[in-house]
């Protein structure tokens, strides 16, 4: 019952990050760069959600 709520949040977040097309190309490179791009993508997603 409660697992479904948490799973939905994770799936929604992953789908938002999948919207950043450059992110999956950077996955194979240095992990520090990949984490930096994930942070930038998360910041952009938050900015877009807050400005609505």
N, C-alpha and C. Protein backbone atom coordinates (compact mmCIF):
# COMPACT_ATOMS: atom_id res chain seq x y z
N UNK A 1 0.83 -1.18 0.00
CA UNK A 1 0.00 0.00 0.00
C UNK A 1 0.88 1.26 0.00
N UNK A 2 1.78 1.38 0.95
CA UNK A 2 2.64 2.56 1.00
C UNK A 2 3.77 2.49 -0.02
N UNK A 3 4.16 1.28 -0.40
CA UNK A 3 5.24 1.14 -1.37
C UNK A 3 4.84 1.75 -2.71
N UNK A 4 3.59 1.63 -3.07
CA UNK A 4 3.12 2.18 -4.33
C UNK A 4 3.29 3.69 -4.42
N UNK A 5 3.06 4.37 -3.30
CA UNK A 5 3.23 5.83 -3.29
C UNK A 5 4.69 6.21 -3.49
N UNK A 6 5.58 5.53 -2.82
CA UNK A 6 7.01 5.84 -2.94
C UNK A 6 7.52 5.46 -4.33
N UNK A 7 7.04 4.36 -4.86
CA UNK A 7 7.50 3.93 -6.18
C UNK A 7 7.07 4.93 -7.24
N UNK A 8 5.86 5.49 -7.10
CA UNK A 8 5.38 6.45 -8.07
C UNK A 8 6.28 7.69 -8.10
N UNK A 9 6.72 8.15 -6.94
CA UNK A 9 7.59 9.33 -6.86
C UNK A 9 8.91 9.05 -7.56
N UNK A 10 9.47 7.88 -7.34
CA UNK A 10 10.75 7.52 -7.97
C UNK A 10 10.57 7.40 -9.48
N UNK A 11 9.52 6.75 -9.94
CA UNK A 11 9.30 6.60 -11.39
C UNK A 11 9.06 7.94 -12.05
N UNK A 12 8.35 8.85 -11.37
CA UNK A 12 8.10 10.18 -11.92
C UNK A 12 9.41 10.94 -12.05
N UNK A 13 10.26 10.86 -11.03
CA UNK A 13 11.54 11.57 -11.06
C UNK A 13 12.45 11.03 -12.16
N UNK A 14 12.48 9.72 -12.31
CA UNK A 14 13.30 9.12 -13.36
C UNK A 14 12.79 9.54 -14.73
N UNK A 15 11.48 9.63 -14.91
CA UNK A 15 10.94 10.05 -16.20
C UNK A 15 11.27 11.51 -16.47
N UNK A 16 11.27 12.36 -15.42
CA UNK A 16 11.67 13.75 -15.62
C UNK A 16 13.12 13.84 -16.05
N UNK A 17 13.99 13.04 -15.42
CA UNK A 17 15.41 13.05 -15.80
C UNK A 17 15.61 12.46 -17.19
N UNK A 18 14.75 11.54 -17.60
CA UNK A 18 14.87 10.97 -18.94
C UNK A 18 14.54 12.01 -20.00
N UNK A 19 13.82 13.05 -19.61
CA UNK A 19 13.52 14.13 -20.54
C UNK A 19 14.75 14.92 -20.95
N UNK A 20 15.80 14.84 -20.17
CA UNK A 20 17.07 15.51 -20.51
C UNK A 20 17.85 14.55 -21.39
N UNK A 21 17.81 14.80 -22.68
CA UNK A 21 18.39 13.84 -23.62
C UNK A 21 19.90 13.73 -23.54
N UNK A 22 20.58 14.79 -23.16
CA UNK A 22 22.04 14.74 -23.08
C UNK A 22 22.53 13.85 -21.95
N UNK A 23 21.67 13.63 -20.97
CA UNK A 23 22.09 12.93 -19.77
C UNK A 23 22.49 11.47 -20.05
N UNK A 24 21.77 10.78 -20.90
CA UNK A 24 22.09 9.37 -21.14
C UNK A 24 23.35 9.21 -21.96
N UNK A 25 23.75 10.23 -22.73
CA UNK A 25 25.00 10.13 -23.48
C UNK A 25 26.21 10.31 -22.57
N UNK A 26 26.04 11.03 -21.49
CA UNK A 26 27.15 11.31 -20.57
C UNK A 26 27.37 10.17 -19.58
N UNK A 27 26.51 9.19 -19.58
CA UNK A 27 26.57 8.14 -18.56
C UNK A 27 27.86 7.35 -18.61
N UNK A 28 28.41 7.12 -19.77
CA UNK A 28 29.57 6.25 -19.91
C UNK A 28 30.89 6.96 -19.56
N UNK A 29 30.85 8.26 -19.42
CA UNK A 29 32.08 9.01 -19.13
C UNK A 29 32.35 9.03 -17.63
N UNK A 30 33.12 9.97 -17.18
CA UNK A 30 33.49 10.04 -15.76
C UNK A 30 32.25 10.18 -14.87
N UNK A 31 32.21 9.46 -13.76
CA UNK A 31 31.04 9.53 -12.88
C UNK A 31 30.83 10.92 -12.27
N UNK A 32 31.91 11.67 -12.07
CA UNK A 32 31.76 13.01 -11.52
C UNK A 32 31.00 13.91 -12.47
N UNK A 33 31.29 13.77 -13.76
CA UNK A 33 30.60 14.57 -14.77
C UNK A 33 29.13 14.18 -14.84
N UNK A 34 28.86 12.88 -14.78
CA UNK A 34 27.48 12.42 -14.85
C UNK A 34 26.67 12.96 -13.66
N UNK A 35 27.25 12.91 -12.46
CA UNK A 35 26.55 13.43 -11.29
C UNK A 35 26.34 14.94 -11.37
N UNK A 36 27.30 15.63 -11.97
CA UNK A 36 27.13 17.08 -12.15
C UNK A 36 25.97 17.37 -13.10
N UNK A 37 25.88 16.61 -14.19
CA UNK A 37 24.78 16.81 -15.13
C UNK A 37 23.43 16.44 -14.51
N UNK A 38 23.41 15.42 -13.66
CA UNK A 38 22.17 15.07 -12.96
C UNK A 38 21.76 16.21 -12.04
N UNK A 39 22.72 16.81 -11.37
CA UNK A 39 22.43 17.95 -10.50
C UNK A 39 21.90 19.14 -11.28
N UNK A 40 22.49 19.42 -12.43
CA UNK A 40 22.02 20.51 -13.27
C UNK A 40 20.61 20.22 -13.78
N UNK A 41 20.38 18.99 -14.21
CA UNK A 41 19.05 18.62 -14.70
C UNK A 41 18.01 18.74 -13.59
N UNK A 42 18.35 18.31 -12.39
CA UNK A 42 17.41 18.42 -11.27
C UNK A 42 17.13 19.88 -10.94
N UNK A 43 18.14 20.72 -11.00
CA UNK A 43 17.93 22.15 -10.74
C UNK A 43 17.02 22.76 -11.81
N UNK A 44 17.22 22.41 -13.06
CA UNK A 44 16.37 22.93 -14.13
C UNK A 44 14.92 22.45 -13.98
N UNK A 45 14.75 21.19 -13.60
CA UNK A 45 13.40 20.66 -13.39
C UNK A 45 12.71 21.41 -12.25
N UNK A 46 13.43 21.62 -11.16
CA UNK A 46 12.85 22.35 -10.02
C UNK A 46 12.52 23.78 -10.41
N UNK A 47 13.41 24.41 -11.16
CA UNK A 47 13.16 25.79 -11.59
C UNK A 47 11.90 25.88 -12.46
N UNK A 48 11.77 24.95 -13.40
CA UNK A 48 10.59 24.95 -14.26
C UNK A 48 9.30 24.74 -13.46
N UNK A 49 9.36 23.83 -12.48
CA UNK A 49 8.17 23.55 -11.66
C UNK A 49 7.79 24.73 -10.78
N UNK A 50 8.79 25.43 -10.26
CA UNK A 50 8.51 26.55 -9.36
C UNK A 50 8.05 27.80 -10.09
N UNK A 51 8.44 27.97 -11.37
CA UNK A 51 8.04 29.15 -12.12
C UNK A 51 6.65 29.03 -12.72
N UNK A 52 6.05 27.85 -12.65
CA UNK A 52 4.68 27.68 -13.19
C UNK A 52 3.66 28.32 -12.31
